[in-house]
Amino acid sequence: MTEWWNELETVTQIFFGMAAFFSVFFLWQIIGAFAGLDGDEADFGDGADADIDVNIDLDVAPDDVDYQDVVEASQAFKILSLRSVVTFFTLFSWGSALYTADGVPVVKAMGISTLWGLVGMFAIAGIFWMMGKLTETGTKDASTAAGKIGIVYLDIPESGFGEVKVSISGAMEHIQAKSVDGVPLPAGTEVRVVQVMSQTMVGVRKLTNKGEEV
């Protein structure tokens, strides 16, 4: 084994080192995903989560815009998630290591391995996207939130999306939300769901201290 390793060119040894490094993270991502963890969210403790909030100004959009299509389009950026990036570099480094070890020129090996990485990256992103859609379809029905009172979890800007925590299909869930009155709603505000725009989006209105809609 030592003799085989010493016979490898330095660049090939580097690729094998990269392959081992990224393989550890790749396995951690896969195991975490199937264990119910989300490898794309960072937890900094004390209940603080790192989230990327994509706000889209709906006031400038046509009236016939499908809100679900808008949300799903914004979620397409998940292709650049940590899981997908790790998948790319895992396949890229393994491909480069194996090709260069077999005598393929470095540039050619890296070019072919880049294709490996891209295919794997899009495949992993697609697989987990479909898994998320199947899970969402099978467990939640947003229409059951209509009329329910919830709490704003992520600030809802004047024109854009936020997130509320409300009862959906008998369980407290987080779902994206928009203020139907165009009023900014900070986290902690009590609201009522007055419109179900799609399975991933609801329209809400602020409540007064007496529980009545403003």
C-alpha atoms as a PDB file:
ATOM      1  CA  MET A   1       0.000   0.000   0.000  1.00  0.00           C
ATOM      2  CA  THR A   2       2.798   2.410   0.953  1.00  0.00           C
ATOM      3  CA  GLU A   3       4.695   1.581  -2.213  1.00  0.00           C
ATOM      4  CA  TRP A   4       1.595   2.221  -4.344  1.00  0.00           C
ATOM      5  CA  TRP A   5       1.030   5.573  -2.635  1.00  0.00           C
ATOM      6  CA  ASN A   6       4.630   6.688  -3.061  1.00  0.00           C
ATOM      7  CA  GLU A   7       4.488   5.895  -6.772  1.00  0.00           C
ATOM      8  CA  LEU A   8       1.584   8.298  -7.295  1.00  0.00           C
ATOM      9  CA  GLU A   9       2.256  11.804  -8.568  1.00  0.00           C
ATOM     10  CA  THR A  10       1.819  14.620  -6.074  1.00  0.00           C
ATOM     11  CA  VAL A  11      -1.278  15.969  -7.830  1.00  0.00           C
ATOM     12  CA  THR A  12      -2.919  12.536  -7.650  1.00  0.00           C
ATOM     13  CA  GLN A  13      -2.144  12.288  -3.931  1.00  0.00           C
ATOM     14  CA  ILE A  14      -3.759  15.690  -3.445  1.00  0.00           C
ATOM     15  CA  PHE A  15      -6.893  14.540  -5.285  1.00  0.00           C
ATOM     16  CA  PHE A  16      -7.104  11.393  -3.134  1.00  0.00           C
ATOM     17  CA  GLY A  17      -6.745  13.540  -0.023  1.00  0.00           C
ATOM     18  CA  MET A  18      -9.549  15.802  -1.196  1.00  0.00           C
ATOM     19  CA  ALA A  19     -11.679  12.758  -2.002  1.00  0.00           C
ATOM     20  CA  ALA A  20     -11.278  11.360   1.514  1.00  0.00           C
ATOM     21  CA  PHE A  21     -12.009  14.751   3.084  1.00  0.00           C
ATOM     22  CA  PHE A  22     -15.193  15.447   1.134  1.00  0.00           C
ATOM     23  CA  SER A  23     -16.388  11.838   1.414  1.00  0.00           C
ATOM     24  CA  VAL A  24     -16.631  12.258   5.188  1.00  0.00           C
ATOM     25  CA  PHE A  25     -18.866  15.312   4.784  1.00  0.00           C
ATOM     26  CA  PHE A  26     -20.880  13.606   2.038  1.00  0.00           C
ATOM     27  CA  LEU A  27     -21.672  10.622   4.287  1.00  0.00           C
ATOM     28  CA  TRP A  28     -22.508  12.972   7.163  1.00  0.00           C
ATOM     29  CA  GLN A  29     -24.949  14.873   4.927  1.00  0.00           C
ATOM     30  CA  ILE A  30     -26.668  11.690   3.695  1.00  0.00           C
ATOM     31  CA  ILE A  31     -26.913  10.119   7.151  1.00  0.00           C
ATOM     32  CA  GLY A  32     -28.185  13.388   8.624  1.00  0.00           C
ATOM     33  CA  ALA A  33     -30.816  13.772   5.901  1.00  0.00           C
ATOM     34  CA  PHE A  34     -32.242  10.281   6.382  1.00  0.00           C
ATOM     35  CA  ALA A  35     -32.096  10.672  10.158  1.00  0.00           C
ATOM     36  CA  GLY A  36     -34.402  13.690   9.888  1.00  0.00           C
ATOM     37  CA  LEU A  37     -31.734  16.364  10.171  1.00  0.00           C
ATOM     38  CA  ASP A  38     -31.338  19.216   7.734  1.00  0.00           C
ATOM     39  CA  GLY A  39     -27.737  19.623   6.626  1.00  0.00           C
ATOM     40  CA  ASP A  40     -28.521  22.933   4.915  1.00  0.00           C
ATOM     41  CA  GLU A  41     -29.426  24.809   8.098  1.00  0.00           C
ATOM     42  CA  ALA A  42     -26.897  25.964  10.648  1.00  0.00           C
ATOM     43  CA  ASP A  43     -27.861  25.920  14.329  1.00  0.00           C
ATOM     44  CA  PHE A  44     -25.924  28.412  16.438  1.00  0.00           C
ATOM     45  CA  GLY A  45     -27.479  27.358  19.725  1.00  0.00           C
ATOM     46  CA  ASP A  46     -29.870  29.106  22.113  1.00  0.00           C
ATOM     47  CA  GLY A  47     -32.688  28.537  19.644  1.00  0.00           C
ATOM     48  CA  ALA A  48     -31.137  30.697  16.920  1.00  0.00           C
ATOM     49  CA  ASP A  49     -31.303  29.370  13.405  1.00  0.00           C
ATOM     50  CA  ALA A  50     -29.498  30.749  10.374  1.00  0.00           C
ATOM     51  CA  ASP A  51     -32.022  31.270   7.606  1.00  0.00           C
ATOM     52  CA  ILE A  52     -31.829  32.944   4.207  1.00  0.00           C
ATOM     53  CA  ASP A  53     -34.995  34.959   3.677  1.00  0.00           C
ATOM     54  CA  VAL A  54     -35.788  35.610   0.017  1.00  0.00           C
ATOM     55  CA  ASN A  55     -38.231  38.500  -0.282  1.00  0.00           C
ATOM     56  CA  ILE A  56     -40.079  39.017  -3.551  1.00  0.00           C
ATOM     57  CA  ASP A  57     -42.046  42.189  -4.148  1.00  0.00           C
ATOM     58  CA  LEU A  58     -45.518  40.986  -5.094  1.00  0.00           C
ATOM     59  CA  ASP A  59     -46.938  44.484  -5.511  1.00  0.00           C
ATOM     60  CA  VAL A  60     -45.174  44.848  -8.869  1.00  0.00           C
ATOM     61  CA  ALA A  61     -46.261  41.424 -10.113  1.00  0.00           C
ATOM     62  CA  PRO A  62     -49.284  40.841 -12.370  1.00  0.00           C
ATOM     63  CA  ASP A  63     -52.547  39.819 -10.729  1.00  0.00           C
ATOM     64  CA  ASP A  64     -52.474  36.402 -12.375  1.00  0.00           C
ATOM     65  CA  VAL A  65     -49.143  35.384 -10.803  1.00  0.00           C
ATOM     66  CA  ASP A  66     -49.291  31.924  -9.233  1.00  0.00           C
ATOM     67  CA  TYR A  67     -47.844  32.406  -5.753  1.00  0.00           C
ATOM     68  CA  GLN A  68     -46.791  28.769  -5.539  1.00  0.00           C
ATOM     69  CA  ASP A  69     -44.808  29.106  -8.772  1.00  0.00           C
ATOM     70  CA  VAL A  70     -43.038  32.172  -7.373  1.00  0.00           C
ATOM     71  CA  VAL A  71     -42.110  30.373  -4.167  1.00  0.00           C
ATOM     72  CA  GLU A  72     -40.929  27.252  -5.978  1.00  0.00           C
ATOM     73  CA  ALA A  73     -38.826  29.373  -8.322  1.00  0.00           C
ATOM     74  CA  SER A  74     -37.073  30.985  -5.380  1.00  0.00           C
ATOM     75  CA  GLN A  75     -36.442  27.554  -3.866  1.00  0.00           C
ATOM     76  CA  ALA A  76     -34.597  26.518  -7.033  1.00  0.00           C
ATOM     77  CA  PHE A  77     -31.527  28.138  -5.502  1.00  0.00           C
ATOM     78  CA  LYS A  78     -31.328  25.050  -3.270  1.00  0.00           C
ATOM     79  CA  ILE A  79     -29.223  23.577  -6.080  1.00  0.00           C
ATOM     80  CA  LEU A  80     -26.403  25.533  -4.445  1.00  0.00           C
ATOM     81  CA  SER A  81     -27.071  24.074  -1.003  1.00  0.00           C
ATOM     82  CA  LEU A  82     -24.267  22.714   1.159  1.00  0.00           C
ATOM     83  CA  ARG A  83     -25.366  19.170   0.353  1.00  0.00           C
ATOM     84  CA  SER A  84     -25.112  19.718  -3.396  1.00  0.00           C
ATOM     85  CA  VAL A  85     -21.752  21.477  -3.181  1.00  0.00           C
ATOM     86  CA  VAL A  86     -20.307  18.653  -1.079  1.00  0.00           C
ATOM     87  CA  THR A  87     -21.631  16.139  -3.610  1.00  0.00           C
ATOM     88  CA  PHE A  88     -19.933  18.023  -6.453  1.00  0.00           C
ATOM     89  CA  PHE A  89     -16.526  18.138  -4.802  1.00  0.00           C
ATOM     90  CA  THR A  90     -16.757  14.514  -3.633  1.00  0.00           C
ATOM     91  CA  LEU A  91     -17.338  13.222  -7.161  1.00  0.00           C
ATOM     92  CA  PHE A  92     -14.927  15.725  -8.713  1.00  0.00           C
ATOM     93  CA  SER A  93     -12.057  14.780  -6.403  1.00  0.00           C
ATOM     94  CA  TRP A  94     -12.639  11.017  -6.708  1.00  0.00           C
ATOM     95  CA  GLY A  95     -12.876  11.245 -10.485  1.00  0.00           C
ATOM     96  CA  SER A  96      -9.710  13.345 -10.746  1.00  0.00           C
ATOM     97  CA  ALA A  97      -7.827  11.005  -8.419  1.00  0.00           C
ATOM     98  CA  LEU A  98      -8.808   7.840 -10.283  1.00  0.00           C
ATOM     99  CA  TYR A  99      -8.245   9.286 -13.753  1.00  0.00           C
ATOM    100  CA  THR A 100      -4.824  10.773 -12.974  1.00  0.00           C
ATOM    101  CA  ALA A 101      -3.806   7.566 -11.195  1.00  0.00           C
ATOM    102  CA  ASP A 102      -4.657   5.744 -14.427  1.00  0.00           C
ATOM    103  CA  GLY A 103      -2.399   8.054 -16.430  1.00  0.00           C
ATOM    104  CA  VAL A 104      -4.973  10.495 -17.812  1.00  0.00           C
ATOM    105  CA  PRO A 105      -3.558  14.054 -18.189  1.00  0.00           C
ATOM    106  CA  VAL A 106      -4.517  16.334 -15.286  1.00  0.00           C
ATOM    107  CA  VAL A 107      -6.483  18.878 -17.340  1.00  0.00           C
ATOM    108  CA  LYS A 108      -8.485  16.185 -19.129  1.00  0.00           C
ATOM    109  CA  ALA A 109      -9.103  14.339 -15.867  1.00  0.00           C
ATOM    110  CA  MET A 110     -10.384  17.500 -14.180  1.00  0.00           C
ATOM    111  CA  GLY A 111     -12.643  18.279 -17.148  1.00  0.00           C
ATOM    112  CA  ILE A 112     -14.277  14.842 -17.098  1.00  0.00           C
ATOM    113  CA  SER A 113     -14.538  14.897 -13.307  1.00  0.00           C
ATOM    114  CA  THR A 114     -16.263  18.281 -13.429  1.00  0.00           C
ATOM    115  CA  LEU A 115     -19.028  16.625 -15.455  1.00  0.00           C
ATOM    116  CA  TRP A 116     -19.232  13.880 -12.825  1.00  0.00           C
ATOM    117  CA  GLY A 117     -19.621  16.513 -10.126  1.00  0.00           C
ATOM    118  CA  LEU A 118     -22.271  18.519 -11.971  1.00  0.00           C
ATOM    119  CA  VAL A 119     -24.361  15.432 -12.728  1.00  0.00           C
ATOM    120  CA  GLY A 120     -24.142  14.313  -9.108  1.00  0.00           C
ATOM    121  CA  MET A 121     -24.932  17.784  -7.786  1.00  0.00           C
ATOM    122  CA  PHE A 122     -28.111  18.135  -9.852  1.00  0.00           C
ATOM    123  CA  ALA A 123     -29.118  14.532  -9.124  1.00  0.00           C
ATOM    124  CA  ILE A 124     -28.812  14.950  -5.354  1.00  0.00           C
ATOM    125  CA  ALA A 125     -30.625  18.303  -5.438  1.00  0.00           C
ATOM    126  CA  GLY A 126     -33.433  16.752  -7.498  1.00  0.00           C
ATOM    127  CA  ILE A 127     -33.757  13.693  -5.277  1.00  0.00           C
ATOM    128  CA  PHE A 128     -34.061  15.664  -2.056  1.00  0.00           C
ATOM    129  CA  TRP A 129     -36.397  18.184  -3.684  1.00  0.00           C
ATOM    130  CA  MET A 130     -38.733  15.343  -4.684  1.00  0.00           C
ATOM    131  CA  MET A 131     -38.461  13.789  -1.227  1.00  0.00           C
ATOM    132  CA  GLY A 132     -39.444  17.120   0.307  1.00  0.00           C
ATOM    133  CA  LYS A 133     -42.436  17.462  -2.019  1.00  0.00           C
ATOM    134  CA  LEU A 134     -43.621  13.923  -1.226  1.00  0.00           C
ATOM    135  CA  THR A 135     -43.287  14.540   2.508  1.00  0.00           C
ATOM    136  CA  GLU A 136     -45.099  17.846   2.236  1.00  0.00           C
ATOM    137  CA  THR A 137     -47.950  16.364   0.178  1.00  0.00           C
ATOM    138  CA  GLY A 138     -48.391  13.422   2.496  1.00  0.00           C
ATOM    139  CA  THR A 139     -48.448  15.242   5.833  1.00  0.00           C
ATOM    140  CA  LYS A 140     -49.817  18.755   5.437  1.00  0.00           C
ATOM    141  CA  ASP A 141     -52.915  20.337   3.944  1.00  0.00           C
ATOM    142  CA  ALA A 142     -52.574  24.115   4.087  1.00  0.00           C
ATOM    143  CA  SER A 143     -56.323  24.591   3.588  1.00  0.00           C
ATOM    144  CA  THR A 144     -56.851  23.403   7.173  1.00  0.00           C
ATOM    145  CA  ALA A 145     -55.101  26.564   8.389  1.00  0.00           C
ATOM    146  CA  ALA A 146     -57.872  28.835   7.061  1.00  0.00           C
ATOM    147  CA  GLY A 147     -59.318  30.920   9.887  1.00  0.00           C
ATOM    148  CA  LYS A 148     -56.731  29.719  12.413  1.00  0.00           C
ATOM    149  CA  ILE A 149     -54.783  32.071  14.680  1.00  0.00           C
ATOM    150  CA  GLY A 150     -51.009  31.865  14.517  1.00  0.00           C
ATOM    151  CA  ILE A 151     -47.817  33.683  15.454  1.00  0.00           C
ATOM    152  CA  VAL A 152     -45.368  35.381  13.098  1.00  0.00           C
ATOM    153  CA  TYR A 153     -42.104  33.406  13.272  1.00  0.00           C
ATOM    154  CA  LEU A 154     -40.024  35.342  10.722  1.00  0.00           C
ATOM    155  CA  ASP A 155     -40.740  39.028  10.087  1.00  0.00           C
ATOM    156  CA  ILE A 156     -43.225  39.642   7.271  1.00  0.00           C
ATOM    157  CA  PRO A 157     -42.164  42.788   5.382  1.00  0.00           C
ATOM    158  CA  GLU A 158     -44.579  45.269   3.839  1.00  0.00           C
ATOM    159  CA  SER A 159     -44.132  43.661   0.420  1.00  0.00           C
ATOM    160  CA  GLY A 160     -42.723  40.177   0.581  1.00  0.00           C
ATOM    161  CA  PHE A 161     -42.738  36.890   2.398  1.00  0.00           C
ATOM    162  CA  GLY A 162     -42.209  35.936   6.016  1.00  0.00           C
ATOM    163  CA  GLU A 163     -43.161  32.896   8.033  1.00  0.00           C
ATOM    164  CA  VAL A 164     -45.846  32.053  10.569  1.00  0.00           C
ATOM    165  CA  LYS A 165     -46.394  29.219  12.993  1.00  0.00           C
ATOM    166  CA  VAL A 166     -49.958  27.947  12.811  1.00  0.00           C
ATOM    167  CA  SER A 167     -51.969  24.744  13.147  1.00  0.00           C
ATOM    168  CA  ILE A 168     -52.015  22.757   9.880  1.00  0.00           C
ATOM    169  CA  SER A 169     -53.683  19.345   9.724  1.00  0.00           C
ATOM    170  CA  GLY A 170     -53.850  19.279  13.515  1.00  0.00           C
ATOM    171  CA  ALA A 171     -50.186  20.064  14.176  1.00  0.00           C
ATOM    172  CA  MET A 172     -48.265  23.295  14.654  1.00  0.00           C
ATOM    173  CA  GLU A 173     -46.265  23.958  11.480  1.00  0.00           C
ATOM    174  CA  HIS A 174     -44.192  26.732   9.933  1.00  0.00           C
ATOM    175  CA  ILE A 175     -45.416  28.075   6.605  1.00  0.00           C
ATOM    176  CA  GLN A 176     -44.537  31.056   4.430  1.00  0.00           C
ATOM    177  CA  ALA A 177     -46.921  33.970   4.758  1.00  0.00           C
ATOM    178  CA  LYS A 178     -47.764  37.361   3.260  1.00  0.00           C
ATOM    179  CA  SER A 179     -49.568  40.262   4.873  1.00  0.00           C
ATOM    180  CA  VAL A 180     -52.838  40.696   2.939  1.00  0.00           C
ATOM    181  CA  ASP A 181     -53.050  44.332   4.060  1.00  0.00           C
ATOM    182  CA  GLY A 182     -49.476  45.167   3.102  1.00  0.00           C
ATOM    183  CA  VAL A 183     -48.706  45.929   6.764  1.00  0.00           C
ATOM    184  CA  PRO A 184     -45.277  44.847   8.070  1.00  0.00           C
ATOM    185  CA  LEU A 185     -45.666  42.202  10.775  1.00  0.00           C
ATOM    186  CA  PRO A 186     -42.690  41.641  13.115  1.00  0.00           C
ATOM    187  CA  ALA A 187     -41.921  38.280  14.699  1.00  0.00           C
ATOM    188  CA  GLY A 188     -44.209  37.519  17.639  1.00  0.00           C
ATOM    189  CA  THR A 189     -47.254  39.264  16.160  1.00  0.00           C
ATOM    190  CA  GLU A 190     -50.532  37.378  16.558  1.00  0.00           C
ATOM    191  CA  VAL A 191     -52.289  36.918  13.212  1.00  0.00           C
ATOM    192  CA  ARG A 192     -55.215  35.117  11.621  1.00  0.00           C
ATOM    193  CA  VAL A 193     -54.935  33.144   8.374  1.00  0.00           C
ATOM    194  CA  VAL A 194     -57.475  34.761   6.055  1.00  0.00           C
ATOM    195  CA  GLN A 195     -56.330  33.327   2.723  1.00  0.00           C
ATOM    196  CA  VAL A 196     -54.717  30.082   1.580  1.00  0.00           C
ATOM    197  CA  MET A 197     -52.726  30.966  -1.515  1.00  0.00           C
ATOM    198  CA  SER A 198     -51.131  27.537  -2.040  1.00  0.00           C
ATOM    199  CA  GLN A 199     -49.838  24.548  -0.085  1.00  0.00           C
ATOM    200  CA  THR A 200     -46.754  26.601   0.801  1.00  0.00           C
ATOM    201  CA  MET A 201     -48.191  30.093   1.250  1.00  0.00           C
ATOM    202  CA  VAL A 202     -50.964  31.758   3.280  1.00  0.00           C
ATOM    203  CA  GLY A 203     -52.224  35.314   3.620  1.00  0.00           C
ATOM    204  CA  VAL A 204     -52.534  36.664   7.166  1.00  0.00           C
ATOM    205  CA  ARG A 205     -53.946  39.695   8.969  1.00  0.00           C
ATOM    206  CA  LYS A 206     -52.865  41.160  12.311  1.00  0.00           C
ATOM    207  CA  LEU A 207     -55.105  40.692  15.360  1.00  0.00           C
ATOM    208  CA  THR A 208     -55.784  43.244  18.077  1.00  0.00           C
ATOM    209  CA  ASN A 209     -55.243  42.470  21.748  1.00  0.00           C
ATOM    210  CA  LYS A 210     -58.849  41.294  21.929  1.00  0.00           C
ATOM    211  CA  GLY A 211     -58.274  38.709  19.232  1.00  0.00           C
ATOM    212  CA  GLU A 212     -60.214  40.624  16.597  1.00  0.00           C
ATOM    213  CA  GLU A 213     -58.780  41.352  13.154  1.00  0.00           C
ATOM    214  CA  VAL A 214     -57.505  44.879  12.589  1.00  0.00           C
END
